[in-house]
C-alpha cells in the first residue's frame, strides 16, 4: 500500500468499521435469522471476479515497476490519486445499480403477492 501513501492498517480500518456497523444494523433489524447457528462459509465468488482482480493487480504492478520510473514524481502522484478515486467511484456506482435492481425485484415480488391475495 506504499503507492497509496497510507499504511495497510489505515486502509483496512474504515472497511472493518463499516462492515461491523452495517452488520450490527442488520442484526438489530432482525434480517439475519439464526445468526448464531451459521457456520463461517466463504461467499460464493464468481471466477470472473477473481480473474478481473488478478488482471487488475498485474496491470498495477506492471505500471508501478516498468512505466512509473519513466514518469516525473508529481505526475505519478496525480495518476495514483486519480486511479484510486476512479476505483472507489466505480465501485460505488456498481453498488447503487445493483441495489436498484434488487429493490425492483423486491417490488415486483410484492406486487405479484398482492395480486394473488386480491384474487383469493
Protein backbone atom coordinates (compact mmCIF):
# COMPACT_ATOMS: atom_id res chain seq x y z
CA UNK A 1 0.00 0.00 0.00
CA UNK A 2 3.03 2.21 -0.25
CA UNK A 3 1.95 3.67 -3.58
CA UNK A 4 -1.24 5.00 -1.98
CA UNK A 5 0.70 6.83 0.67
CA UNK A 6 -1.13 5.08 3.52
CA UNK A 7 -0.38 2.02 5.55
CA UNK A 8 -2.36 -1.21 5.20
CA UNK A 9 -3.97 -0.73 8.62
CA UNK A 10 -5.26 2.73 7.76
CA UNK A 11 -6.68 1.35 4.52
CA UNK A 12 -8.48 -1.56 6.21
CA UNK A 13 -9.70 0.32 9.28
CA UNK A 14 -12.66 2.06 7.54
CA UNK A 15 -13.62 -1.20 5.80
CA UNK A 16 -13.72 -3.06 9.11
CA UNK A 17 -15.65 -0.26 10.80
CA UNK A 18 -18.28 -0.01 8.05
CA UNK A 19 -18.69 -3.79 7.90
CA UNK A 20 -19.22 -4.05 11.64
CA UNK A 21 -21.59 -1.05 11.63
CA UNK A 22 -23.84 -2.40 8.88
CA UNK A 23 -23.67 -5.94 10.23
CA UNK A 24 -24.89 -4.65 13.59
CA UNK A 25 -27.71 -2.79 11.82
CA UNK A 26 -28.80 -5.98 10.04
CA UNK A 27 -28.69 -7.99 13.26
CA UNK A 28 -30.74 -5.42 15.15
CA UNK A 29 -33.16 -5.21 12.23
CA UNK A 30 -33.78 -8.92 12.52
CA UNK A 31 -32.88 -9.65 8.92
CA UNK A 32 -30.28 -12.24 9.88
CA UNK A 33 -32.15 -15.16 11.34
CA UNK A 34 -30.26 -17.89 13.16
CA UNK A 35 -27.12 -15.77 13.13
CA UNK A 36 -25.56 -17.78 15.94
CA UNK A 37 -26.13 -21.08 14.14
CA UNK A 38 -24.41 -20.03 10.93
CA UNK A 39 -21.07 -21.54 10.08
CA UNK A 40 -18.23 -19.47 8.71
CA UNK A 41 -18.67 -20.00 5.00
CA UNK A 42 -16.78 -18.02 2.42
CA UNK A 43 -19.07 -16.30 -0.06
CA UNK A 44 -19.51 -17.79 -3.49
CA UNK A 45 -17.18 -15.61 -5.52
CA UNK A 46 -17.54 -15.90 -9.26
CA UNK A 47 -14.32 -16.96 -11.01
CA UNK A 48 -14.72 -13.99 -13.35
CA UNK A 49 -14.37 -11.56 -10.44
CA UNK A 50 -11.22 -13.30 -9.26
CA UNK A 51 -9.83 -13.17 -12.78
CA UNK A 52 -10.58 -9.45 -13.10
CA UNK A 53 -8.94 -8.81 -9.73
CA UNK A 54 -5.80 -10.72 -10.71
CA UNK A 55 -5.60 -8.91 -14.05
CA UNK A 56 -6.03 -5.56 -12.29
CA UNK A 57 -3.31 -6.34 -9.76
CA UNK A 58 -1.00 -7.48 -12.54
CA UNK A 59 -1.58 -4.27 -14.51
CA UNK A 60 -0.94 -2.15 -11.43
CA UNK A 61 2.32 -3.98 -10.67
CA UNK A 62 3.40 -3.65 -14.30
CA UNK A 63 2.68 0.08 -14.29
CA UNK A 64 4.43 0.62 -10.97
CA UNK A 65 7.59 -1.32 -11.85
CA UNK A 66 8.01 -0.54 -15.57
CA UNK A 67 6.17 2.66 -16.50
CA UNK A 68 6.32 4.75 -13.33
CA UNK A 69 10.13 5.08 -13.18
CA UNK A 70 9.94 6.84 -16.55
CA UNK A 71 7.40 9.42 -15.34
CA UNK A 72 8.07 12.51 -13.20
CA UNK A 73 7.23 12.11 -9.48
CA UNK A 74 4.50 14.77 -9.40
CA UNK A 75 2.70 13.26 -12.38
CA UNK A 76 2.95 9.82 -10.76
CA UNK A 77 1.18 11.10 -7.64
CA UNK A 78 -1.65 12.54 -9.76
CA UNK A 79 -2.03 9.26 -11.65
CA UNK A 80 -2.13 7.24 -8.43
CA UNK A 81 -4.69 9.53 -6.79
CA UNK A 82 -6.85 9.50 -9.91
CA UNK A 83 -6.72 5.71 -10.21
CA UNK A 84 -7.76 5.15 -6.59
CA UNK A 85 -10.51 7.75 -6.83
CA UNK A 86 -11.91 6.21 -10.02
CA UNK A 87 -11.87 2.74 -8.48
CA UNK A 88 -13.88 3.93 -5.47
CA UNK A 89 -16.32 5.85 -7.69
CA UNK A 90 -16.89 2.86 -9.98
CA UNK A 91 -17.41 0.51 -7.03
CA UNK A 92 -19.94 2.96 -5.55
CA UNK A 93 -21.83 3.23 -8.85
CA UNK A 94 -21.87 -0.56 -9.19
CA UNK A 95 -23.26 -0.93 -5.66
CA UNK A 96 -26.01 1.64 -6.33
CA UNK A 97 -27.03 -0.01 -9.61
CA UNK A 98 -27.06 -3.46 -8.04
CA UNK A 99 -29.14 -2.15 -5.13
CA UNK A 100 -31.67 -0.59 -7.54
CA UNK A 101 -32.06 -3.93 -9.34
CA UNK A 102 -32.62 -5.72 -6.03
CA UNK A 103 -35.22 -3.15 -4.96
CA UNK A 104 -37.02 -3.50 -8.31
CA UNK A 105 -37.12 -7.30 -7.97
CA UNK A 106 -38.45 -6.98 -4.41
CA UNK A 107 -41.17 -4.54 -5.53
CA UNK A 108 -42.23 -6.87 -8.36
CA UNK A 109 -42.45 -9.80 -5.96
CA UNK A 110 -44.59 -7.74 -3.57
CA UNK A 111 -46.93 -6.71 -6.40
CA UNK A 112 -47.37 -10.32 -7.51
CA UNK A 113 -48.11 -11.40 -3.95
CA UNK A 114 -50.65 -8.59 -3.55
CA UNK A 115 -52.34 -9.66 -6.81
CA UNK A 116 -52.53 -13.24 -5.59
CA UNK A 117 -54.00 -12.08 -2.26
CA UNK A 118 -56.58 -9.95 -4.09
CA UNK A 119 -57.64 -12.93 -6.21
CA UNK A 120 -58.24 -15.01 -3.07
